[in-house]
Each structure stands twice: as structure tokens, then as C-alpha cells.
Protein backbone atom coordinates (compact mmCIF):
# COMPACT_ATOMS: atom_id res chain seq x y z
CA MET A 1 143.15 -209.68 -61.63
CA LEU A 2 141.67 -207.57 -59.08
CA SER A 3 144.69 -205.81 -58.47
CA GLU A 4 145.56 -205.72 -62.14
CA LEU A 5 142.63 -204.12 -62.78
CA ALA A 6 143.16 -201.54 -59.65
CA ARG A 7 146.49 -200.50 -61.41
CA ARG A 8 145.33 -200.05 -65.01
CA TRP A 9 142.23 -198.13 -63.35
CA TRP A 10 144.96 -196.05 -61.63
CA ARG A 11 146.90 -195.41 -64.81
CA ARG A 12 143.93 -194.01 -66.77
CA SER A 13 142.81 -191.96 -63.42
CA PRO A 14 142.75 -188.04 -64.16
CA TRP A 15 145.61 -187.51 -61.46
CA SER A 16 147.96 -190.05 -62.99
CA SER A 17 151.52 -188.74 -63.22
CA ASN A 18 152.34 -190.20 -67.21
CA PRO A 19 153.57 -187.97 -69.18
CA LEU A 20 151.43 -189.14 -72.07
CA THR A 21 148.07 -188.18 -70.73
CA ARG A 22 147.17 -184.84 -72.40
CA PRO A 23 145.18 -182.47 -70.77
CA PRO A 24 141.90 -183.61 -72.73
CA ASP A 25 142.19 -187.16 -71.09
CA ARG A 26 142.41 -185.79 -68.01
CA ILE A 27 139.34 -183.75 -68.51
CA GLU A 28 136.99 -185.92 -70.02
CA ARG A 29 138.60 -188.84 -66.61
CA THR A 30 137.50 -186.07 -64.20
CA VAL A 31 134.49 -185.57 -65.66
CA PHE A 32 133.39 -189.35 -65.48
CA VAL A 33 134.75 -189.71 -62.22
CA VAL A 34 132.64 -186.57 -60.95
CA GLY A 35 129.22 -188.34 -63.05
CA VAL A 36 130.06 -191.42 -61.11
CA VAL A 37 130.38 -189.68 -57.47
CA VAL A 38 127.14 -187.69 -58.53
CA LEU A 39 124.86 -190.37 -59.67
CA LEU A 40 126.05 -192.15 -55.82
CA LEU A 41 124.91 -188.55 -54.09
CA LEU A 42 121.64 -188.80 -56.33
CA ILE A 43 120.69 -191.95 -55.00
CA PRO A 44 120.07 -190.47 -51.45
CA VAL A 45 118.89 -187.45 -52.74
CA ALA A 46 115.78 -189.51 -55.03
CA ALA A 47 115.18 -191.87 -52.24
CA THR A 48 114.35 -188.54 -50.07
CA ILE A 49 112.58 -187.28 -53.02
CA GLY A 50 110.24 -190.74 -53.10
CA SER A 51 110.17 -190.73 -49.53
CA VAL A 52 108.34 -186.95 -49.35
CA ASN A 53 106.11 -187.85 -51.65
CA TYR A 54 104.94 -191.15 -50.13
CA SER A 55 104.59 -189.42 -47.10
CA ASP A 56 102.21 -186.47 -48.49
CA LEU A 57 100.10 -188.73 -50.39
CA SER A 58 99.89 -191.28 -47.62
CA SER A 59 98.75 -187.90 -45.26
CA ARG A 60 96.30 -186.69 -47.71
CA SER A 61 95.05 -190.34 -48.01
CA GLU A 62 94.43 -190.20 -44.45
CA GLN A 63 92.65 -186.56 -44.32
CA GLN A 64 90.40 -187.94 -47.12
CA ARG A 65 89.44 -191.25 -45.88
CA ALA A 66 88.91 -189.06 -42.90
CA GLU A 67 86.52 -186.30 -44.80
CA TYR A 68 85.00 -188.61 -47.44
CA VAL A 69 82.42 -191.13 -46.80
CA ARG A 70 81.78 -194.15 -49.29
CA VAL A 71 77.92 -194.41 -50.30
CA ASP A 72 75.72 -196.41 -52.60
CA ALA A 73 74.81 -195.07 -55.75
CA ARG A 74 72.36 -196.77 -58.91
CA VAL A 75 73.37 -197.29 -61.90
CA ILE A 76 70.93 -195.32 -64.57
CA ASP A 77 72.34 -195.64 -68.25
CA THR A 78 74.46 -197.97 -70.28
CA VAL A 79 78.60 -198.81 -68.97
CA GLN A 80 80.43 -197.08 -71.68
CA SER A 81 83.51 -199.27 -71.08
CA THR A 82 86.84 -197.67 -71.26
CA SER A 83 89.56 -200.38 -70.97
CA THR A 84 90.06 -204.55 -71.02
CA GLY A 85 91.93 -207.27 -69.57
CA SER A 86 95.22 -208.24 -71.50
CA ASP A 87 92.41 -211.24 -72.93
CA SER A 88 90.55 -208.31 -74.91
CA THR A 89 87.42 -209.88 -73.30
CA THR A 90 87.60 -209.43 -69.49
CA LEU A 91 86.65 -205.47 -69.09
CA ALA A 92 88.10 -203.54 -66.33
CA ASN A 93 86.12 -200.26 -65.76
CA GLY A 94 83.79 -198.70 -67.13
CA ILE A 95 81.76 -194.61 -67.01
CA ALA A 96 78.31 -194.65 -66.65
CA THR A 97 76.24 -191.91 -65.13
CA VAL A 98 75.30 -192.83 -61.19
CA GLN A 99 72.58 -191.57 -59.06
CA TRP A 100 72.86 -191.05 -55.17
CA ARG A 101 71.73 -189.10 -52.34
CA ALA A 102 73.11 -186.65 -50.63
CA PRO A 103 73.42 -185.61 -46.64
CA ASP A 104 70.95 -182.99 -47.84
CA GLY A 105 68.10 -185.41 -49.44
CA SER A 106 68.84 -183.96 -52.84
CA ILE A 107 69.11 -187.15 -55.62
CA ARG A 108 72.45 -186.17 -57.32
CA SER A 109 73.52 -187.77 -60.81
CA GLU A 110 76.76 -187.43 -62.61
CA SER A 111 79.16 -189.70 -64.24
CA THR A 112 81.95 -191.41 -62.52
CA GLU A 113 84.41 -195.00 -63.41
CA VAL A 114 82.36 -197.58 -62.51
CA PRO A 115 83.22 -201.80 -62.88
CA ALA A 116 82.46 -202.65 -66.36
CA ASP A 117 79.91 -205.56 -65.20
CA VAL A 118 77.37 -203.25 -63.07
CA GLN A 119 74.20 -203.40 -64.97
CA ILE A 120 71.54 -200.16 -64.96
CA GLY A 121 69.76 -200.49 -62.12
CA GLU A 122 72.63 -201.93 -59.79
CA THR A 123 74.31 -200.32 -57.34
CA THR A 124 78.08 -199.76 -56.93
CA SER A 125 80.10 -197.87 -53.86
CA ILE A 126 81.27 -194.30 -54.83
CA TRP A 127 83.06 -191.31 -52.34
CA CYS A 128 81.27 -188.34 -51.78
CA ASN A 129 82.87 -185.52 -49.37
CA GLY A 130 80.65 -183.90 -46.65
CA ASN A 131 78.15 -182.03 -48.90
CA GLY A 132 77.76 -185.00 -50.95
CA THR A 133 79.56 -184.28 -54.06
CA LEU A 134 81.48 -186.71 -55.83
CA VAL A 135 84.96 -187.68 -55.41
CA HIS A 136 87.72 -189.14 -56.33
CA ALA A 137 88.50 -192.45 -54.27
CA PRO A 138 91.28 -191.53 -51.92
CA VAL A 139 95.22 -192.70 -53.26
CA SER A 140 95.34 -196.84 -51.49
CA GLU A 141 98.73 -197.27 -49.66
CA VAL A 142 99.96 -199.62 -52.16
CA GLY A 143 99.01 -196.67 -54.63
CA ALA A 144 101.06 -193.90 -52.10
CA VAL A 145 104.27 -196.34 -52.39
CA ILE A 146 104.10 -197.25 -55.82
CA ASN A 147 103.78 -193.17 -56.48
CA GLY A 148 106.77 -192.52 -54.21
CA ALA A 149 108.75 -195.32 -55.67
CA SER A 150 108.29 -194.36 -58.97
CA THR A 151 109.08 -190.73 -58.24
CA ALA A 152 112.63 -191.79 -56.61
CA MET A 153 113.45 -193.38 -59.94
CA PHE A 154 112.45 -191.15 -61.63
CA VAL A 155 114.66 -188.75 -60.50
CA TRP A 156 117.60 -190.93 -60.70
CA VAL A 157 117.25 -191.78 -64.22
CA LEU A 158 116.75 -188.20 -65.12
CA GLY A 159 120.01 -187.47 -62.80
CA THR A 160 121.39 -190.36 -65.36
CA VAL A 161 120.51 -189.47 -68.69
CA LEU A 162 121.80 -185.68 -67.38
CA VAL A 163 124.92 -187.32 -66.23
CA GLY A 164 125.53 -189.57 -69.13
CA PHE A 165 124.64 -186.77 -71.67
CA LEU A 166 127.46 -184.37 -70.20
CA VAL A 167 130.26 -187.35 -70.15
CA TYR A 168 129.20 -187.76 -73.59
CA LEU A 169 129.64 -184.54 -74.61
CA THR A 170 132.54 -184.24 -73.09
CA THR A 171 134.31 -187.27 -74.52
CA VAL A 172 132.94 -185.73 -78.00
CA ALA A 173 134.88 -182.90 -77.36
CA GLY A 174 137.88 -184.41 -76.34
CA ASP A 175 138.03 -186.50 -79.20
CA ARG A 176 137.30 -183.10 -81.52
CA VAL A 177 140.31 -181.56 -79.63
CA ARG A 178 142.49 -184.63 -80.05
CA MET A 179 141.93 -185.26 -83.28
CA ARG A 180 142.76 -181.64 -84.53
CA ARG A 181 145.99 -182.08 -82.16
CA TRP A 182 146.83 -185.41 -84.28
CA ASP A 183 145.95 -183.80 -87.93
CA SER A 184 148.51 -180.59 -86.77
CA ASP A 185 151.21 -183.62 -85.39
CA TRP A 186 150.21 -184.81 -88.64
CA LYS A 187 150.72 -182.28 -90.85
CA ASP A 188 154.11 -180.90 -88.62
CA PHE A 189 155.61 -184.50 -89.58
CA LEU A 190 155.27 -184.65 -93.59
CA ARG A 191 156.70 -180.96 -93.34
CA ALA A 192 159.34 -182.20 -91.37
CA ARG A 193 160.06 -184.75 -93.92
CA ASN A 194 159.57 -183.18 -97.06
CA HIS A 195 161.55 -180.23 -95.88
CA PRO A 196 164.07 -181.72 -93.75
CA SER A 197 166.79 -179.15 -92.15
CA ARG A 198 170.02 -178.90 -93.40
């Protein structure tokens, strides 16, 4: 079974010596083979890009965790929910104004994302830099891994779409060339049948 498939594939390969294989067929099959090779080579390229992205995020996260500090902030207004759980009853998080004390002793307040179940007057953890300014939480290790894997997958899928589109365009162009050739051959056949040589 495998040997038969291999022989069939070899007969359809662009380097086959089959005299019935026309130039558009060879071009189309060559583009297909090159496309497959490019997709295989794109796997380590995408993995490398994803790994670099993961390394950048991981090092940035470590730097931020060394520079940022977690402080307790008091919620001073009503939490406005921003998302809900799958059952539409469990709130995941929300936006509220929180108040905290900066390292210089000043009281600061700003709107930020907080757990949706906190009430006015309760405390929640926020991240601040050395000046006491509110910052986004550092990327977690899991988040860095997911981001790196997503980047690698995106690069490979994008490459697959581009290669598939080029193969498709080549196939369409080959079909048009074949149809024009067949139409020309058919007209020659009809002309020869209606006006046989004497």
C-alpha cells in the first residue's frame, strides 16, 4: 500500500519524466512541494520567535517584580463590574477607585481593576512602582508561557495561510492555462474535422 502511494506520488512529482505532464502541471506541483518544505522549515522559526517572546516577557516580569511592590489599597467607591462568569452570575472583576499611601506618605487614589466582590471600605492588593505610582501587575510565568506559545502558533498559522494562498493562486493560474490550452486543442480538432486535408 505504501509503496503504491510512493510510486503514485513519484509519478505526479514535478521531476517526473512523464511526457504527458505539461509545464503548468510541473510548476503547480513544484510550488506545492516548495510550500510543504517552507511550512516544515517554518516550525523551528515560529518556535524560535515564540521562545524569544517568552524570554523577553519572563525577564521583564522578573525586573518588574524586583522594582514593583504590592500594597494594600482601600476601595472608596462602588465597583463597576466589567465581566461575568460563564453562568452570568459570578462576577470576575470590576473597576473601582482605590486609595493607598505612597512611600513619601502622600495619599493617592486612582481607578483600577479590582475583584468584583470587594465592597467599599475593604482593602485589595495593587502594584506600585518605587514612587508609589499605580502600575499594571507583572506578567505571571504562566502568562509568559501562554503568550510565547500563542506567538509561535500565530506565526506558523500566518505562514500557513500565506503559503496556502500562494499555492491556491498557482493552482487557479494553472487551471486557466490548461482550460485555454484545451479550448485551443478542441478548436483545432473541430477545424481539422470540418476541413480535412486533401
